[in-house]
């Protein structure tokens, strides 16, 4: 979950001028990374072999 501290830290990384779109994109990216880290820690991942089969379907 995004906290005020995380938001402040991200805003500090931005240049003096930036668009709302840039900020929203960064926040969405952070949320997705955090979700991925949580899934990894909980071993909620897709096996490599299963992923290969799914990718094969995309190209048929």
PDB file of N, CA and C in Angstrom:
ATOM      1  N   UNK A   1       0.839  -1.173   0.000  1.00  0.00           N
ATOM      2  CA  UNK A   1       0.000   0.000   0.000  1.00  0.00           C
ATOM      3  C   UNK A   1       0.886   1.239   0.000  1.00  0.00           C
ATOM      4  N   UNK A   2       0.458   2.225  -0.711  1.00  0.00           N
ATOM      5  CA  UNK A   2       1.195   3.482  -0.786  1.00  0.00           C
ATOM      6  C   UNK A   2       0.991   4.274   0.501  1.00  0.00           C
ATOM      7  N   UNK A   3       2.059   4.792   1.026  1.00  0.00           N
ATOM      8  CA  UNK A   3       1.980   5.607   2.241  1.00  0.00           C
ATOM      9  C   UNK A   3       2.388   7.044   1.904  1.00  0.00           C
ATOM     10  N   UNK A   4       2.096   7.953   2.807  1.00  0.00           N
ATOM     11  CA  UNK A   4       2.494   9.343   2.602  1.00  0.00           C
ATOM     12  C   UNK A   4       4.010   9.455   2.497  1.00  0.00           C
ATOM     13  N   UNK A   5       4.724   8.677   3.303  1.00  0.00           N
ATOM     14  CA  UNK A   5       6.188   8.713   3.248  1.00  0.00           C
ATOM     15  C   UNK A   5       6.710   8.270   1.892  1.00  0.00           C
ATOM     16  N   UNK A   6       6.125   7.207   1.332  1.00  0.00           N
ATOM     17  CA  UNK A   6       6.547   6.736   0.007  1.00  0.00           C
ATOM     18  C   UNK A   6       6.229   7.783  -1.051  1.00  0.00           C
ATOM     19  N   UNK A   7       5.058   8.413  -0.922  1.00  0.00           N
ATOM     20  CA  UNK A   7       4.674   9.454  -1.870  1.00  0.00           C
ATOM     21  C   UNK A   7       5.641  10.631  -1.795  1.00  0.00           C
ATOM     22  N   UNK A   8       5.967  11.063  -0.590  1.00  0.00           N
ATOM     23  CA  UNK A   8       6.924  12.163  -0.425  1.00  0.00           C
ATOM     24  C   UNK A   8       8.280  11.811  -1.043  1.00  0.00           C
ATOM     25  N   UNK A   9       8.732  10.590  -0.796  1.00  0.00           N
ATOM     26  CA  UNK A   9      10.031  10.161  -1.324  1.00  0.00           C
ATOM     27  C   UNK A   9      10.023  10.190  -2.850  1.00  0.00           C
ATOM     28  N   UNK A  10       8.939   9.746  -3.455  1.00  0.00           N
ATOM     29  CA  UNK A  10       8.864   9.749  -4.914  1.00  0.00           C
ATOM     30  C   UNK A  10       8.810  11.166  -5.470  1.00  0.00           C
ATOM     31  N   UNK A  11       8.067  12.022  -4.819  1.00  0.00           N
ATOM     32  CA  UNK A  11       7.987  13.412  -5.280  1.00  0.00           C
ATOM     33  C   UNK A  11       9.356  14.081  -5.214  1.00  0.00           C
ATOM     34  N   UNK A  12      10.139  13.748  -4.202  1.00  0.00           N
ATOM     35  CA  UNK A  12      11.492  14.314  -4.084  1.00  0.00           C
ATOM     36  C   UNK A  12      12.381  13.893  -5.255  1.00  0.00           C
ATOM     37  N   UNK A  13      12.102  12.758  -5.867  1.00  0.00           N
ATOM     38  CA  UNK A  13      12.913  12.277  -6.989  1.00  0.00           C
ATOM     39  C   UNK A  13      12.572  12.978  -8.309  1.00  0.00           C
ATOM     40  N   UNK A  14      11.433  13.621  -8.352  1.00  0.00           N
ATOM     41  CA  UNK A  14      10.998  14.302  -9.576  1.00  0.00           C
ATOM     42  C   UNK A  14      11.711  15.640  -9.746  1.00  0.00           C
ATOM     43  N   UNK A  15      11.791  16.097 -10.990  1.00  0.00           N
ATOM     44  CA  UNK A  15      12.337  17.447 -11.223  1.00  0.00           C
ATOM     45  C   UNK A  15      11.368  18.494 -10.664  1.00  0.00           C
ATOM     46  N   UNK A  16      11.765  19.737 -10.690  1.00  0.00           N
ATOM     47  CA  UNK A  16      10.926  20.811 -10.152  1.00  0.00           C
ATOM     48  C   UNK A  16       9.585  20.927 -10.881  1.00  0.00           C
ATOM     49  N   UNK A  17       9.575  20.587 -12.152  1.00  0.00           N
ATOM     50  CA  UNK A  17       8.337  20.628 -12.928  1.00  0.00           C
ATOM     51  C   UNK A  17       8.070  19.251 -13.520  1.00  0.00           C
ATOM     52  N   UNK A  18       6.845  18.772 -13.332  1.00  0.00           N
ATOM     53  CA  UNK A  18       6.445  17.488 -13.903  1.00  0.00           C
ATOM     54  C   UNK A  18       4.933  17.486 -14.060  1.00  0.00           C
ATOM     55  N   UNK A  19       4.456  16.583 -14.882  1.00  0.00           N
ATOM     56  CA  UNK A  19       3.019  16.516 -15.124  1.00  0.00           C
ATOM     57  C   UNK A  19       2.363  15.535 -14.153  1.00  0.00           C
ATOM     58  N   UNK A  20       1.092  15.702 -13.978  1.00  0.00           N
ATOM     59  CA  UNK A  20       0.314  14.775 -13.158  1.00  0.00           C
ATOM     60  C   UNK A  20       0.411  13.370 -13.766  1.00  0.00           C
ATOM     61  N   UNK A  21       0.399  13.289 -15.093  1.00  0.00           N
ATOM     62  CA  UNK A  21       0.504  11.987 -15.756  1.00  0.00           C
ATOM     63  C   UNK A  21       1.794  11.268 -15.371  1.00  0.00           C
ATOM     64  N   UNK A  22       2.900  12.009 -15.321  1.00  0.00           N
ATOM     65  CA  UNK A  22       4.170  11.402 -14.931  1.00  0.00           C
ATOM     66  C   UNK A  22       4.115  10.876 -13.499  1.00  0.00           C
ATOM     67  N   UNK A  23       3.504  11.644 -12.623  1.00  0.00           N
ATOM     68  CA  UNK A  23       3.376  11.225 -11.227  1.00  0.00           C
ATOM     69  C   UNK A  23       2.494   9.983 -11.111  1.00  0.00           C
ATOM     70  N   UNK A  24       1.377   9.990 -11.788  1.00  0.00           N
ATOM     71  CA  UNK A  24       0.462   8.848 -11.732  1.00  0.00           C
ATOM     72  C   UNK A  24       1.145   7.593 -12.287  1.00  0.00           C
ATOM     73  N   UNK A  25       1.855   7.732 -13.408  1.00  0.00           N
ATOM     74  CA  UNK A  25       2.566   6.589 -13.978  1.00  0.00           C
ATOM     75  C   UNK A  25       3.577   6.022 -12.982  1.00  0.00           C
ATOM     76  N   UNK A  26       4.306   6.887 -12.304  1.00  0.00           N
ATOM     77  CA  UNK A  26       5.297   6.442 -11.320  1.00  0.00           C
ATOM     78  C   UNK A  26       4.629   5.716 -10.162  1.00  0.00           C
ATOM     79  N   UNK A  27       3.509   6.256  -9.682  1.00  0.00           N
ATOM     80  CA  UNK A  27       2.803   5.640  -8.562  1.00  0.00           C
ATOM     81  C   UNK A  27       2.215   4.283  -8.942  1.00  0.00           C
ATOM     82  N   UNK A  28       1.691   4.169 -10.151  1.00  0.00           N
ATOM     83  CA  UNK A  28       1.183   2.881 -10.616  1.00  0.00           C
ATOM     84  C   UNK A  28       2.323   1.880 -10.711  1.00  0.00           C
ATOM     85  N   UNK A  29       3.473   2.317 -11.225  1.00  0.00           N
ATOM     86  CA  UNK A  29       4.633   1.442 -11.320  1.00  0.00           C
ATOM     87  C   UNK A  29       5.053   0.944  -9.932  1.00  0.00           C
ATOM     88  N   UNK A  30       5.115   1.845  -8.970  1.00  0.00           N
ATOM     89  CA  UNK A  30       5.494   1.475  -7.605  1.00  0.00           C
ATOM     90  C   UNK A  30       4.516   0.449  -7.042  1.00  0.00           C
ATOM     91  N   UNK A  31       3.232   0.681  -7.258  1.00  0.00           N
ATOM     92  CA  UNK A  31       2.216  -0.245  -6.767  1.00  0.00           C
ATOM     93  C   UNK A  31       2.400  -1.626  -7.389  1.00  0.00           C
ATOM     94  N   UNK A  32       2.677  -1.686  -8.675  1.00  0.00           N
ATOM     95  CA  UNK A  32       2.860  -2.971  -9.346  1.00  0.00           C
ATOM     96  C   UNK A  32       4.107  -3.688  -8.848  1.00  0.00           C
ATOM     97  N   UNK A  33       5.170  -2.950  -8.622  1.00  0.00           N
ATOM     98  CA  UNK A  33       6.395  -3.561  -8.087  1.00  0.00           C
ATOM     99  C   UNK A  33       6.139  -4.120  -6.696  1.00  0.00           C
ATOM    100  N   UNK A  34       5.455  -3.354  -5.859  1.00  0.00           N
ATOM    101  CA  UNK A  34       5.156  -3.826  -4.502  1.00  0.00           C
ATOM    102  C   UNK A  34       4.269  -5.071  -4.537  1.00  0.00           C
ATOM    103  N   UNK A  35       3.293  -5.095  -5.434  1.00  0.00           N
ATOM    104  CA  UNK A  35       2.429  -6.260  -5.568  1.00  0.00           C
ATOM    105  C   UNK A  35       3.253  -7.474  -6.005  1.00  0.00           C
ATOM    106  N   UNK A  36       4.157  -7.274  -6.953  1.00  0.00           N
ATOM    107  CA  UNK A  36       5.010  -8.363  -7.415  1.00  0.00           C
ATOM    108  C   UNK A  36       5.920  -8.888  -6.318  1.00  0.00           C
ATOM    109  N   UNK A  37       6.481  -7.976  -5.524  1.00  0.00           N
ATOM    110  CA  UNK A  37       7.334  -8.402  -4.409  1.00  0.00           C
ATOM    111  C   UNK A  37       6.537  -9.215  -3.397  1.00  0.00           C
ATOM    112  N   UNK A  38       5.315  -8.770  -3.115  1.00  0.00           N
ATOM    113  CA  UNK A  38       4.459  -9.491  -2.167  1.00  0.00           C
ATOM    114  C   UNK A  38       4.127 -10.876  -2.703  1.00  0.00           C
ATOM    115  N   UNK A  39       3.776 -10.960  -3.972  1.00  0.00           N
ATOM    116  CA  UNK A  39       3.465 -12.254  -4.574  1.00  0.00           C
ATOM    117  C   UNK A  39       4.679 -13.173  -4.527  1.00  0.00           C
ATOM    118  N   UNK A  40       5.842 -12.623  -4.769  1.00  0.00           N
ATOM    119  CA  UNK A  40       7.064 -13.425  -4.731  1.00  0.00           C
ATOM    120  C   UNK A  40       7.325 -13.959  -3.334  1.00  0.00           C
ATOM    121  N   UNK A  41       7.170 -13.106  -2.329  1.00  0.00           N
ATOM    122  CA  UNK A  41       7.381 -13.531  -0.948  1.00  0.00           C
ATOM    123  C   UNK A  41       6.383 -14.600  -0.521  1.00  0.00           C
ATOM    124  N   UNK A  42       5.170 -14.532  -1.071  1.00  0.00           N
ATOM    125  CA  UNK A  42       4.136 -15.510  -0.744  1.00  0.00           C
ATOM    126  C   UNK A  42       4.176 -16.718  -1.668  1.00  0.00           C
ATOM    127  N   UNK A  43       5.197 -16.768  -2.526  1.00  0.00           N
ATOM    128  CA  UNK A  43       5.368 -17.855  -3.492  1.00  0.00           C
ATOM    129  C   UNK A  43       4.160 -17.978  -4.420  1.00  0.00           C
ATOM    130  N   UNK A  44       3.526 -16.864  -4.709  1.00  0.00           N
ATOM    131  CA  UNK A  44       2.389 -16.803  -5.616  1.00  0.00           C
ATOM    132  C   UNK A  44       2.915 -16.418  -6.996  1.00  0.00           C
ATOM    133  N   UNK A  45       3.612 -17.359  -7.608  1.00  0.00           N
ATOM    134  CA  UNK A  45       4.273 -17.090  -8.886  1.00  0.00           C
ATOM    135  C   UNK A  45       3.869 -18.140  -9.913  1.00  0.00           C
ATOM    136  N   UNK A  46       4.080 -17.816 -11.172  1.00  0.00           N
ATOM    137  CA  UNK A  46       3.801 -18.742 -12.264  1.00  0.00           C
ATOM    138  C   UNK A  46       5.066 -19.525 -12.586  1.00  0.00           C
ATOM    139  N   UNK A  47       4.917 -20.816 -12.679  1.00  0.00           N
ATOM    140  CA  UNK A  47       6.060 -21.667 -13.027  1.00  0.00           C
ATOM    141  C   UNK A  47       6.529 -21.345 -14.447  1.00  0.00           C
ATOM    142  N   UNK A  48       7.821 -21.467 -14.658  1.00  0.00           N
ATOM    143  CA  UNK A  48       8.432 -21.145 -15.944  1.00  0.00           C
ATOM    144  C   UNK A  48       7.811 -21.963 -17.076  1.00  0.00           C
ATOM    145  N   UNK A  49       7.609 -23.241 -16.838  1.00  0.00           N
ATOM    146  CA  UNK A  49       7.065 -24.118 -17.871  1.00  0.00           C
ATOM    147  C   UNK A  49       5.641 -23.690 -18.259  1.00  0.00           C
ATOM    148  N   UNK A  50       4.843 -23.331 -17.274  1.00  0.00           N
ATOM    149  CA  UNK A  50       3.475 -22.881 -17.546  1.00  0.00           C
ATOM    150  C   UNK A  50       3.502 -21.585 -18.355  1.00  0.00           C
ATOM    151  N   UNK A  51       4.394 -20.698 -18.006  1.00  0.00           N
ATOM    152  CA  UNK A  51       4.515 -19.438 -18.720  1.00  0.00           C
ATOM    153  C   UNK A  51       4.912 -19.673 -20.171  1.00  0.00           C
ATOM    154  N   UNK A  52       5.846 -20.602 -20.408  1.00  0.00           N
ATOM    155  CA  UNK A  52       6.244 -20.926 -21.778  1.00  0.00           C
ATOM    156  C   UNK A  52       5.050 -21.392 -22.602  1.00  0.00           C
ATOM    157  N   UNK A  53       4.202 -22.227 -22.014  1.00  0.00           N
ATOM    158  CA  UNK A  53       3.018 -22.724 -22.722  1.00  0.00           C
ATOM    159  C   UNK A  53       2.049 -21.591 -23.029  1.00  0.00           C
ATOM    160  N   UNK A  54       1.875 -20.670 -22.092  1.00  0.00           N
ATOM    161  CA  UNK A  54       0.986 -19.540 -22.311  1.00  0.00           C
ATOM    162  C   UNK A  54       1.509 -18.639 -23.430  1.00  0.00           C
ATOM    163  N   UNK A  55       2.810 -18.403 -23.441  1.00  0.00           N
ATOM    164  CA  UNK A  55       3.397 -17.558 -24.486  1.00  0.00           C
ATOM    165  C   UNK A  55       3.257 -18.213 -25.854  1.00  0.00           C
ATOM    166  N   UNK A  56       3.413 -19.529 -25.921  1.00  0.00           N
ATOM    167  CA  UNK A  56       3.239 -20.248 -27.197  1.00  0.00           C
ATOM    168  C   UNK A  56       1.849 -20.003 -27.756  1.00  0.00           C
ATOM    169  N   UNK A  57       0.840 -19.970 -26.889  1.00  0.00           N
ATOM    170  CA  UNK A  57      -0.541 -19.733 -27.342  1.00  0.00           C
ATOM    171  C   UNK A  57      -0.675 -18.372 -28.001  1.00  0.00           C
ATOM    172  N   UNK A  58       0.074 -17.385 -27.546  1.00  0.00           N
ATOM    173  CA  UNK A  58      -0.022 -16.039 -28.090  1.00  0.00           C
ATOM    174  C   UNK A  58       0.397 -15.994 -29.549  1.00  0.00           C
ATOM    175  N   UNK A  59       1.311 -16.877 -29.935  1.00  0.00           N
ATOM    176  CA  UNK A  59       1.886 -16.816 -31.277  1.00  0.00           C
ATOM    177  C   UNK A  59       1.284 -17.835 -32.235  1.00  0.00           C
ATOM    178  N   UNK A  60       0.201 -18.472 -31.825  1.00  0.00           N
ATOM    179  CA  UNK A  60      -0.453 -19.446 -32.730  1.00  0.00           C
ATOM    180  C   UNK A  60      -1.550 -18.784 -33.486  1.00  0.00           C
TER     181      UNK A  60
END
